[in-house]
N, C-alpha and C. Protein backbone atom coordinates (compact mmCIF):
# COMPACT_ATOMS: atom_id res chain seq x y z
N UNK A 1 77.95 158.00 -21.55
CA UNK A 1 78.18 158.75 -22.78
C UNK A 1 78.90 157.87 -23.79
N UNK A 2 78.54 158.01 -25.04
CA UNK A 2 79.10 157.20 -26.11
C UNK A 2 80.56 157.58 -26.38
N UNK A 3 81.41 156.55 -26.58
CA UNK A 3 82.80 156.76 -26.97
C UNK A 3 82.94 156.35 -28.43
N UNK A 4 83.56 157.21 -29.22
CA UNK A 4 83.81 156.92 -30.63
C UNK A 4 85.32 156.82 -30.83
N UNK A 5 85.76 155.71 -31.45
CA UNK A 5 87.18 155.51 -31.72
C UNK A 5 87.42 155.66 -33.22
N UNK A 6 88.33 156.57 -33.56
CA UNK A 6 88.62 156.86 -34.96
C UNK A 6 90.13 156.93 -35.20
N UNK A 7 90.48 156.97 -36.46
CA UNK A 7 91.85 157.18 -36.90
C UNK A 7 91.88 158.39 -37.81
N UNK A 8 93.02 159.07 -37.85
CA UNK A 8 93.17 160.24 -38.72
C UNK A 8 94.53 160.19 -39.41
N UNK A 9 94.55 160.69 -40.64
CA UNK A 9 95.77 160.72 -41.44
C UNK A 9 96.33 162.13 -41.51
N UNK A 10 97.59 162.25 -41.17
CA UNK A 10 98.34 163.48 -41.38
C UNK A 10 99.12 163.24 -42.66
N UNK A 11 98.48 163.55 -43.78
CA UNK A 11 99.07 163.24 -45.09
C UNK A 11 100.07 164.33 -45.45
N UNK A 12 101.31 163.91 -45.68
CA UNK A 12 102.38 164.86 -45.97
C UNK A 12 102.83 164.75 -47.43
N UNK A 13 103.18 165.92 -47.97
CA UNK A 13 103.80 165.99 -49.30
C UNK A 13 104.82 167.11 -49.21
N UNK A 14 106.10 166.75 -49.16
CA UNK A 14 107.13 167.77 -48.97
C UNK A 14 106.93 168.44 -47.62
N UNK A 15 106.81 169.77 -47.63
CA UNK A 15 106.62 170.50 -46.38
C UNK A 15 105.16 170.92 -46.18
N UNK A 16 104.24 170.20 -46.83
CA UNK A 16 102.81 170.53 -46.72
C UNK A 16 102.01 169.37 -46.14
N UNK A 17 100.89 169.74 -45.52
CA UNK A 17 99.96 168.80 -44.88
C UNK A 17 98.61 168.95 -45.55
N UNK A 18 97.92 167.84 -45.77
CA UNK A 18 96.61 167.82 -46.42
C UNK A 18 95.49 167.99 -45.40
N UNK A 19 94.63 168.96 -45.61
CA UNK A 19 93.47 169.19 -44.74
C UNK A 19 92.20 169.14 -45.59
N UNK A 20 91.12 168.65 -44.98
CA UNK A 20 89.85 168.56 -45.69
C UNK A 20 88.77 169.33 -44.93
N UNK A 21 87.84 169.90 -45.69
CA UNK A 21 86.73 170.63 -45.09
C UNK A 21 85.51 169.72 -45.02
N UNK A 22 85.02 169.54 -43.83
CA UNK A 22 83.92 168.60 -43.58
C UNK A 22 82.68 169.01 -44.38
N UNK A 23 82.07 168.03 -45.05
CA UNK A 23 80.92 168.29 -45.90
C UNK A 23 79.59 167.87 -45.30
N UNK A 24 79.58 167.45 -44.04
CA UNK A 24 78.35 166.91 -43.46
C UNK A 24 78.41 167.03 -41.94
N UNK A 25 77.26 166.90 -41.31
CA UNK A 25 77.18 166.77 -39.86
C UNK A 25 77.33 168.05 -39.08
N UNK A 26 77.50 167.86 -37.80
CA UNK A 26 77.55 168.96 -36.84
C UNK A 26 78.66 169.97 -37.14
N UNK A 27 79.77 169.50 -37.66
CA UNK A 27 80.91 170.38 -37.90
C UNK A 27 81.10 170.70 -39.39
N UNK A 28 80.03 170.63 -40.16
CA UNK A 28 80.11 170.93 -41.59
C UNK A 28 80.74 172.32 -41.78
N UNK A 29 81.70 172.39 -42.70
CA UNK A 29 82.37 173.64 -42.99
C UNK A 29 83.68 173.83 -42.22
N UNK A 30 83.86 173.07 -41.13
CA UNK A 30 85.13 173.12 -40.39
C UNK A 30 86.14 172.20 -41.06
N UNK A 31 87.40 172.41 -40.72
CA UNK A 31 88.48 171.65 -41.34
C UNK A 31 88.95 170.53 -40.42
N UNK A 32 89.42 169.44 -41.03
CA UNK A 32 89.84 168.28 -40.27
C UNK A 32 90.93 167.53 -41.02
N UNK A 33 91.55 166.61 -40.29
CA UNK A 33 92.45 165.64 -40.91
C UNK A 33 91.58 164.45 -41.27
N UNK A 34 91.65 163.97 -42.51
CA UNK A 34 90.74 162.91 -42.95
C UNK A 34 90.97 161.59 -42.22
N UNK A 35 89.93 160.80 -42.15
CA UNK A 35 89.99 159.49 -41.49
C UNK A 35 88.59 159.05 -41.13
N UNK A 36 88.47 158.18 -40.15
CA UNK A 36 87.15 157.71 -39.77
C UNK A 36 87.21 156.59 -38.75
N UNK A 37 86.07 155.93 -38.61
CA UNK A 37 85.90 154.91 -37.58
C UNK A 37 86.65 153.62 -37.90
N UNK A 38 87.07 152.95 -36.84
CA UNK A 38 87.74 151.66 -36.94
C UNK A 38 86.67 150.58 -36.83
N UNK A 39 86.65 149.67 -37.80
CA UNK A 39 85.68 148.57 -37.80
C UNK A 39 86.18 147.45 -36.88
N UNK A 40 85.27 146.65 -36.32
CA UNK A 40 85.68 145.53 -35.46
C UNK A 40 86.66 144.60 -36.18
N UNK A 41 87.74 144.24 -35.49
CA UNK A 41 88.74 143.33 -36.05
C UNK A 41 89.75 143.98 -36.97
N UNK A 42 89.65 145.27 -37.19
CA UNK A 42 90.53 145.99 -38.11
C UNK A 42 91.70 146.61 -37.33
N UNK A 43 92.89 146.56 -37.90
CA UNK A 43 94.00 147.28 -37.28
C UNK A 43 93.80 148.77 -37.54
N UNK A 44 94.47 149.59 -36.74
CA UNK A 44 94.35 151.04 -36.92
C UNK A 44 94.83 151.46 -38.30
N UNK A 45 95.96 150.90 -38.72
CA UNK A 45 96.52 151.26 -40.03
C UNK A 45 95.60 150.83 -41.17
N UNK A 46 95.03 149.63 -41.07
CA UNK A 46 94.12 149.15 -42.12
C UNK A 46 92.86 150.02 -42.17
N UNK A 47 92.36 150.43 -41.02
CA UNK A 47 91.19 151.31 -40.99
C UNK A 47 91.51 152.64 -41.67
N UNK A 48 92.69 153.16 -41.41
CA UNK A 48 93.08 154.44 -42.00
C UNK A 48 93.18 154.35 -43.52
N UNK A 49 93.83 153.30 -44.01
CA UNK A 49 93.96 153.11 -45.46
C UNK A 49 92.57 152.98 -46.09
N UNK A 50 91.68 152.20 -45.47
CA UNK A 50 90.33 152.00 -46.00
C UNK A 50 89.55 153.32 -46.00
N UNK A 51 89.58 154.04 -44.90
CA UNK A 51 88.84 155.29 -44.81
C UNK A 51 89.29 156.32 -45.85
N UNK A 52 90.60 156.43 -46.06
CA UNK A 52 91.10 157.39 -47.04
C UNK A 52 90.70 156.96 -48.45
N UNK A 53 90.72 155.67 -48.71
CA UNK A 53 90.26 155.17 -50.02
C UNK A 53 88.78 155.53 -50.22
N UNK A 54 87.96 155.33 -49.18
CA UNK A 54 86.53 155.63 -49.27
C UNK A 54 86.25 157.12 -49.40
N UNK A 55 86.99 157.95 -48.67
CA UNK A 55 86.72 159.39 -48.64
C UNK A 55 87.40 160.16 -49.76
N UNK A 56 88.60 159.72 -50.17
CA UNK A 56 89.40 160.51 -51.10
C UNK A 56 89.82 159.74 -52.35
N UNK A 57 89.45 158.47 -52.45
CA UNK A 57 89.76 157.64 -53.62
C UNK A 57 91.24 157.65 -53.98
N UNK A 58 92.10 157.58 -52.96
CA UNK A 58 93.52 157.42 -53.21
C UNK A 58 94.07 156.46 -52.15
N UNK A 59 95.27 155.97 -52.39
CA UNK A 59 95.88 155.02 -51.48
C UNK A 59 96.99 155.70 -50.71
N UNK A 60 96.98 155.50 -49.39
CA UNK A 60 98.03 156.06 -48.56
C UNK A 60 98.82 154.93 -47.90
N UNK A 61 99.99 155.31 -47.41
CA UNK A 61 100.81 154.40 -46.61
C UNK A 61 101.11 155.12 -45.29
N UNK A 62 100.59 154.60 -44.18
CA UNK A 62 100.97 155.19 -42.89
C UNK A 62 102.48 154.99 -42.69
N UNK A 63 103.18 156.07 -42.35
CA UNK A 63 104.63 156.00 -42.21
C UNK A 63 105.10 156.06 -40.77
N UNK A 64 104.25 156.61 -39.88
CA UNK A 64 104.68 156.79 -38.50
C UNK A 64 103.48 157.09 -37.63
N UNK A 65 103.42 156.45 -36.45
CA UNK A 65 102.40 156.83 -35.48
C UNK A 65 102.76 158.22 -34.97
N UNK A 66 101.79 159.11 -34.93
CA UNK A 66 102.06 160.50 -34.52
C UNK A 66 101.61 160.77 -33.09
N UNK A 67 100.32 160.58 -32.82
CA UNK A 67 99.81 160.84 -31.49
C UNK A 67 98.44 160.22 -31.30
N UNK A 68 98.11 160.06 -30.03
CA UNK A 68 96.77 159.63 -29.64
C UNK A 68 96.18 160.79 -28.88
N UNK A 69 94.92 161.11 -29.18
CA UNK A 69 94.29 162.19 -28.44
C UNK A 69 92.89 161.78 -28.03
N UNK A 70 92.42 162.43 -27.00
CA UNK A 70 91.06 162.22 -26.51
C UNK A 70 90.43 163.59 -26.35
N UNK A 71 89.14 163.66 -26.68
CA UNK A 71 88.46 164.96 -26.63
C UNK A 71 87.00 164.74 -26.23
N UNK A 72 86.55 165.53 -25.29
CA UNK A 72 85.16 165.44 -24.83
C UNK A 72 84.31 166.45 -25.58
N UNK A 73 83.45 165.95 -26.46
CA UNK A 73 82.45 166.78 -27.12
C UNK A 73 81.19 166.77 -26.26
N UNK A 74 80.25 167.67 -26.50
CA UNK A 74 79.03 167.70 -25.68
C UNK A 74 78.23 166.39 -25.70
N UNK A 75 78.23 165.66 -26.84
CA UNK A 75 77.38 164.49 -26.96
C UNK A 75 78.13 163.16 -27.07
N UNK A 76 79.47 163.20 -27.12
CA UNK A 76 80.24 161.96 -27.20
C UNK A 76 81.69 162.22 -26.79
N UNK A 77 82.40 161.12 -26.51
CA UNK A 77 83.81 161.16 -26.15
C UNK A 77 84.60 160.58 -27.31
N UNK A 78 85.59 161.31 -27.80
CA UNK A 78 86.36 160.90 -28.97
C UNK A 78 87.74 160.40 -28.55
N UNK A 79 88.11 159.24 -29.10
CA UNK A 79 89.49 158.73 -28.99
C UNK A 79 90.00 158.63 -30.43
N UNK A 80 91.14 159.28 -30.69
CA UNK A 80 91.65 159.32 -32.06
C UNK A 80 93.14 158.99 -32.09
N UNK A 81 93.49 158.00 -32.92
CA UNK A 81 94.88 157.66 -33.19
C UNK A 81 95.27 158.30 -34.52
N UNK A 82 96.36 159.03 -34.51
CA UNK A 82 96.77 159.80 -35.69
C UNK A 82 98.11 159.28 -36.22
N UNK A 83 98.16 159.11 -37.53
CA UNK A 83 99.35 158.61 -38.19
C UNK A 83 99.79 159.57 -39.28
N UNK A 84 101.09 159.78 -39.38
CA UNK A 84 101.62 160.47 -40.55
C UNK A 84 101.56 159.48 -41.70
N UNK A 85 101.31 159.99 -42.91
CA UNK A 85 101.14 159.12 -44.07
C UNK A 85 101.56 159.85 -45.34
N UNK A 86 101.78 159.06 -46.37
CA UNK A 86 102.05 159.60 -47.70
C UNK A 86 101.08 158.95 -48.69
N UNK A 87 100.82 159.66 -49.77
CA UNK A 87 99.99 159.10 -50.84
C UNK A 87 100.89 158.24 -51.72
N UNK A 88 100.47 156.99 -51.93
CA UNK A 88 101.26 156.09 -52.76
C UNK A 88 100.62 155.85 -54.13
N UNK A 89 99.32 156.15 -54.24
CA UNK A 89 98.64 155.93 -55.50
C UNK A 89 97.44 156.85 -55.62
N UNK A 90 97.32 157.52 -56.77
CA UNK A 90 96.17 158.37 -57.03
C UNK A 90 96.34 159.80 -56.53
N UNK A 91 95.31 160.57 -56.79
CA UNK A 91 95.22 161.96 -56.36
C UNK A 91 93.94 162.11 -55.57
N UNK A 92 93.97 162.79 -54.43
CA UNK A 92 92.74 162.90 -53.63
C UNK A 92 91.58 163.52 -54.41
N UNK A 93 90.43 162.86 -54.31
CA UNK A 93 89.18 163.35 -54.90
C UNK A 93 88.21 163.57 -53.75
N UNK A 94 87.46 164.65 -53.79
CA UNK A 94 86.56 164.99 -52.69
C UNK A 94 85.24 164.25 -52.84
N UNK A 95 85.14 163.07 -52.21
CA UNK A 95 83.93 162.27 -52.27
C UNK A 95 82.98 162.58 -51.11
N UNK A 96 83.51 163.05 -49.98
CA UNK A 96 82.69 163.36 -48.81
C UNK A 96 82.96 164.74 -48.23
N UNK A 97 83.94 165.44 -48.77
CA UNK A 97 84.32 166.75 -48.24
C UNK A 97 83.97 167.87 -49.21
N UNK A 98 83.84 169.08 -48.68
CA UNK A 98 83.52 170.25 -49.50
C UNK A 98 84.74 170.84 -50.19
N UNK A 99 85.89 170.72 -49.53
CA UNK A 99 87.10 171.35 -50.05
C UNK A 99 88.31 170.66 -49.43
N UNK A 100 89.47 170.95 -49.98
CA UNK A 100 90.72 170.43 -49.43
C UNK A 100 91.83 171.42 -49.76
N UNK A 101 92.87 171.41 -48.92
CA UNK A 101 94.01 172.30 -49.12
C UNK A 101 95.28 171.59 -48.67
N UNK A 102 96.38 171.91 -49.32
CA UNK A 102 97.70 171.56 -48.83
C UNK A 102 98.21 172.78 -48.09
N UNK A 103 98.60 172.61 -46.83
CA UNK A 103 99.00 173.72 -45.98
C UNK A 103 100.44 173.55 -45.49
N UNK A 104 101.18 174.67 -45.46
CA UNK A 104 102.50 174.66 -44.84
C UNK A 104 102.32 174.82 -43.33
N UNK A 105 103.40 174.64 -42.60
CA UNK A 105 103.36 174.82 -41.15
C UNK A 105 102.82 176.21 -40.80
N UNK A 106 103.25 177.22 -41.52
CA UNK A 106 102.83 178.59 -41.25
C UNK A 106 101.34 178.80 -41.54
N UNK A 107 100.76 178.02 -42.43
CA UNK A 107 99.35 178.18 -42.80
C UNK A 107 98.38 177.38 -41.93
N UNK A 108 98.90 176.51 -41.06
CA UNK A 108 98.03 175.64 -40.27
C UNK A 108 97.02 176.43 -39.43
N UNK A 109 97.38 177.59 -38.97
CA UNK A 109 96.48 178.40 -38.15
C UNK A 109 95.51 179.26 -38.93
N UNK A 110 95.52 179.15 -40.25
CA UNK A 110 94.71 180.05 -41.08
C UNK A 110 93.30 179.54 -41.36
N UNK A 111 92.96 178.34 -40.88
CA UNK A 111 91.62 177.79 -41.14
C UNK A 111 90.96 177.39 -39.83
N UNK A 112 89.65 177.17 -39.88
CA UNK A 112 88.84 176.85 -38.70
C UNK A 112 88.78 175.33 -38.52
N UNK A 113 89.60 174.81 -37.62
CA UNK A 113 89.70 173.37 -37.39
C UNK A 113 88.57 172.87 -36.49
N UNK A 114 88.15 171.63 -36.69
CA UNK A 114 87.27 170.94 -35.74
C UNK A 114 88.01 170.91 -34.40
N UNK A 115 87.32 171.09 -33.26
CA UNK A 115 88.00 171.22 -31.97
C UNK A 115 89.05 170.16 -31.66
N UNK A 116 88.78 168.89 -31.80
CA UNK A 116 89.76 167.85 -31.46
C UNK A 116 91.01 167.94 -32.33
N UNK A 117 90.85 168.34 -33.58
CA UNK A 117 91.97 168.35 -34.52
C UNK A 117 92.98 169.46 -34.21
N UNK A 118 92.61 170.42 -33.37
CA UNK A 118 93.55 171.46 -32.97
C UNK A 118 94.75 170.83 -32.24
N UNK A 119 94.52 169.72 -31.55
CA UNK A 119 95.64 169.03 -30.89
C UNK A 119 96.64 168.48 -31.92
N UNK A 120 96.15 168.08 -33.08
CA UNK A 120 97.05 167.62 -34.15
C UNK A 120 97.82 168.81 -34.70
N UNK A 121 97.15 169.94 -34.88
CA UNK A 121 97.82 171.16 -35.35
C UNK A 121 98.94 171.54 -34.39
N UNK A 122 98.66 171.49 -33.09
CA UNK A 122 99.69 171.80 -32.09
C UNK A 122 100.88 170.84 -32.21
N UNK A 123 100.59 169.55 -32.41
CA UNK A 123 101.65 168.55 -32.60
C UNK A 123 102.50 168.92 -33.83
N UNK A 124 101.84 169.28 -34.93
CA UNK A 124 102.57 169.61 -36.16
C UNK A 124 103.41 170.86 -36.01
N UNK A 125 102.90 171.85 -35.29
CA UNK A 125 103.66 173.08 -35.09
C UNK A 125 104.95 172.80 -34.31
N UNK A 126 104.93 171.79 -33.45
CA UNK A 126 106.10 171.42 -32.66
C UNK A 126 107.07 170.53 -33.44
N UNK A 127 106.55 169.70 -34.34
CA UNK A 127 107.38 168.68 -34.97
C UNK A 127 107.81 168.99 -36.41
N UNK A 128 107.08 169.84 -37.10
CA UNK A 128 107.45 170.16 -38.50
C UNK A 128 108.60 171.13 -38.54
N UNK A 129 109.43 170.96 -39.53
CA UNK A 129 110.54 171.91 -39.73
C UNK A 129 109.99 173.20 -40.32
N UNK A 130 110.68 174.31 -40.00
CA UNK A 130 110.26 175.61 -40.56
C UNK A 130 110.69 175.73 -42.01
């Protein structure tokens, strides 16, 4: 079975987290933390900065490694490294997503997350201040 290695950004602004609604593929319409595949020879942080620039046309700075998760989908195995980050330049523009929201800790459960990303939501519910 194919293994896909990706990175994801937990973009923070004050007490809110940025979530994007997938605009393509099997999980179109579900919500996720933005990010994408790591290219050969690329560091995880560099991949994350590049992916966010490509998907949202803004610049982020990873501030802290958050968690690594693995998830078995029916057709592939996912390995995802997740970093907390802040926007350092620009405003997110939806180049590949249908929608985006800034969510508080209390709002994290109000949307339909892609299955693997629920582990990130659980992490945030444990680590974010009320």
